[in-house]
Protein backbone atom coordinates (compact mmCIF):
# COMPACT_ATOMS: atom_id res chain seq x y z
CA MET A 1 10.85 -38.73 -29.37
CA ASN A 2 13.01 -38.37 -26.26
CA LEU A 3 13.96 -34.85 -27.29
CA ARG A 4 10.29 -33.85 -27.58
CA ARG A 5 9.49 -35.39 -24.21
CA PHE A 6 12.48 -33.61 -22.65
CA ALA A 7 11.41 -30.28 -24.19
CA ALA A 8 7.85 -30.76 -22.91
CA PHE A 9 9.07 -31.48 -19.38
CA ALA A 10 11.51 -28.56 -19.53
CA ILE A 11 8.73 -26.18 -20.52
CA LEU A 12 6.42 -27.59 -17.85
CA GLY A 13 9.16 -27.38 -15.22
CA GLY A 14 10.04 -23.83 -16.20
CA SER A 15 6.43 -22.73 -15.99
CA MET A 16 6.13 -24.35 -12.57
CA LEU A 17 9.21 -22.49 -11.37
CA ILE A 18 7.89 -19.20 -12.66
CA GLY A 19 4.44 -19.95 -11.29
CA GLY A 20 5.96 -20.95 -7.96
CA ALA A 21 7.72 -17.61 -7.68
CA VAL A 22 4.45 -15.85 -8.26
CA ILE A 23 2.60 -18.09 -5.85
CA THR A 24 5.10 -17.51 -3.05
CA LYS A 25 4.56 -13.75 -3.33
CA ALA A 26 0.79 -14.07 -3.47
CA GLN A 27 -1.23 -13.70 -0.33
CA THR A 28 -3.09 -16.55 1.19
CA ILE A 29 -6.27 -15.40 2.81
CA VAL A 30 -7.59 -17.68 5.50
CA PHE A 31 -11.01 -16.56 6.59
CA GLU A 32 -11.52 -16.20 10.29
CA PRO A 33 -13.70 -13.19 11.01
CA GLY A 34 -12.00 -10.08 12.24
CA ARG A 35 -8.30 -10.95 12.46
CA TYR A 36 -5.58 -9.64 10.12
CA ARG A 37 -1.85 -9.94 9.71
CA MET A 38 -0.21 -6.91 8.07
CA ASN A 39 2.52 -7.06 5.41
CA TYR A 40 3.95 -10.32 6.70
CA ARG A 41 5.31 -8.52 9.75
CA GLY A 42 3.33 -10.49 12.25
CA TYR A 43 1.38 -7.41 13.35
CA ARG A 44 -2.08 -8.56 14.26
CA THR A 45 -5.20 -6.50 14.55
CA ASN A 46 -8.95 -6.84 14.32
CA GLU A 47 -11.45 -5.55 11.75
CA ARG A 48 -11.49 -2.07 13.33
CA GLY A 49 -7.70 -1.82 13.32
CA ALA A 50 -7.53 -2.90 9.68
CA GLN A 51 -10.09 -0.23 8.75
CA LEU A 52 -8.13 2.43 10.66
CA LEU A 53 -5.00 1.56 8.70
CA ARG A 54 -6.92 1.75 5.41
CA ASP A 55 -8.21 5.14 6.55
CA ALA A 56 -4.62 6.15 7.36
CA VAL A 57 -3.63 5.56 3.73
CA ASN A 58 -6.59 7.59 2.49
CA ARG A 59 -6.00 10.42 5.01
CA GLY A 60 -2.35 10.48 4.02
CA TYR A 61 -3.30 10.62 0.36
CA GLN A 62 -5.69 13.54 0.92
CA ALA A 63 -3.18 15.48 3.02
CA GLY A 64 -0.41 14.76 0.54
CA TYR A 65 -2.52 15.83 -2.41
CA GLN A 66 -3.29 19.17 -0.75
CA ALA A 67 0.36 19.68 0.21
CA GLY A 68 1.48 18.86 -3.34
CA VAL A 69 -0.96 21.35 -4.83
CA ALA A 70 0.16 24.01 -2.33
CA ASP A 71 3.83 23.46 -3.16
CA ARG A 72 3.16 23.53 -6.89
CA ASP A 73 1.09 26.69 -6.63
CA GLY A 74 3.72 28.28 -4.37
CA ARG A 75 6.41 27.38 -6.92
CA ARG A 76 8.33 25.36 -4.36
CA ARG A 77 10.42 22.33 -5.16
CA MET A 78 8.87 18.91 -4.77
CA ASN A 79 9.77 17.57 -1.33
CA TRP A 80 7.18 15.78 0.76
CA ASN A 81 9.74 15.07 3.52
CA ARG A 82 9.65 18.64 4.75
CA ASN A 83 5.91 18.54 5.36
CA GLU A 84 4.92 18.46 9.02
CA HIS A 85 2.06 16.00 8.46
CA TYR A 86 4.33 13.60 6.60
CA ARG A 87 7.03 13.69 9.28
CA SER A 88 4.64 13.18 12.19
CA GLY A 89 2.38 10.76 10.33
CA ASN A 90 -0.27 10.88 13.02
CA LEU A 91 -3.05 12.92 11.44
CA GLY A 92 -6.25 11.14 12.49
CA TYR A 93 -4.42 8.59 14.66
CA GLU A 94 -6.48 6.52 17.09
CA SER A 95 -4.93 4.29 19.69
CA SER A 96 -6.67 1.14 18.39
CA VAL A 97 -3.58 0.38 16.27
CA GLY A 98 0.14 0.79 16.82
CA GLN A 99 1.36 4.30 16.11
CA SER A 100 4.36 3.16 14.06
CA TYR A 101 2.07 1.11 11.82
CA TYR A 102 -0.36 3.98 11.43
CA ARG A 103 2.53 6.32 10.55
CA TYR A 104 3.86 3.88 7.95
CA TYR A 105 0.52 3.60 6.11
CA PHE A 106 -0.20 7.33 6.42
CA GLN A 107 3.18 8.16 4.87
CA GLN A 108 2.66 5.68 2.04
CA GLY A 109 -0.58 7.43 1.13
CA PHE A 110 0.92 10.88 1.65
CA ARG A 111 3.80 10.34 -0.79
CA ARG A 112 1.47 9.17 -3.53
CA GLY A 113 -1.02 11.97 -2.90
CA TYR A 114 1.74 14.55 -2.89
CA GLN A 115 3.00 13.36 -6.26
CA ASP A 116 -0.52 13.45 -7.73
CA GLY A 117 -1.15 16.95 -6.36
CA PHE A 118 2.22 18.35 -7.36
CA TYR A 119 1.97 17.08 -10.92
CA SER A 120 -1.80 17.76 -11.29
CA ARG A 121 -2.57 14.17 -12.10
CA THR A 122 -4.59 11.26 -10.79
CA THR A 123 -2.17 8.36 -11.15
CA TYR A 124 -2.74 7.00 -7.65
CA GLY A 125 -6.17 8.38 -6.82
CA ASP A 126 -8.82 10.96 -7.59
CA GLY A 127 -7.62 13.70 -5.24
CA THR A 128 -9.75 12.57 -2.32
CA ASN A 129 -9.20 8.82 -2.12
CA ILE A 130 -6.42 6.56 -3.24
CA LEU A 131 -7.41 4.02 -5.90
CA GLY A 132 -8.39 0.57 -4.70
CA ASN A 133 -5.68 -1.37 -6.51
CA ILE A 134 -2.96 0.97 -5.20
CA LEU A 135 -4.45 0.79 -1.73
CA THR A 136 -4.38 -2.99 -1.94
CA SER A 137 -0.71 -3.00 -2.91
CA ILE A 138 0.16 -0.65 -0.04
CA PHE A 139 -2.11 -2.29 2.49
CA ARG A 140 -1.41 -5.98 2.25
CA ALA A 141 -3.59 -7.46 4.94
CA THR A 142 -4.04 -11.16 5.29
CA ARG A 143 -7.02 -12.43 7.18
CA TYR A 144 -6.26 -15.42 9.34
């Protein structure tokens, strides 16, 4: 009987440890209209800033997709780092958000779009917009 009880508690404890690891990585969303914290970095912005950063990912994806298609059609090697838009990362930038944050999200979208365009696929998006679940994983905003 004690062995069964021990096994039950061991299984329960193990599942709590595993569940705890998942819970610590999950995002807690505290609703307070219009304020976001980005990627646990302490960067704070409002609703407009959060939308601009989402747009940065989508703009990056579109620009990357076009660059990937151009490199594939031009029979060039895959290398998104040499692209001017990727390096600058400020295509469509507006001063409502920090430029380094905008560049980061733009480049995240660009790399995925470039890969989709270069390989003629739609793993991350449809060629014009990045898929919602990928966008969510790139753009981890927590409302607070």
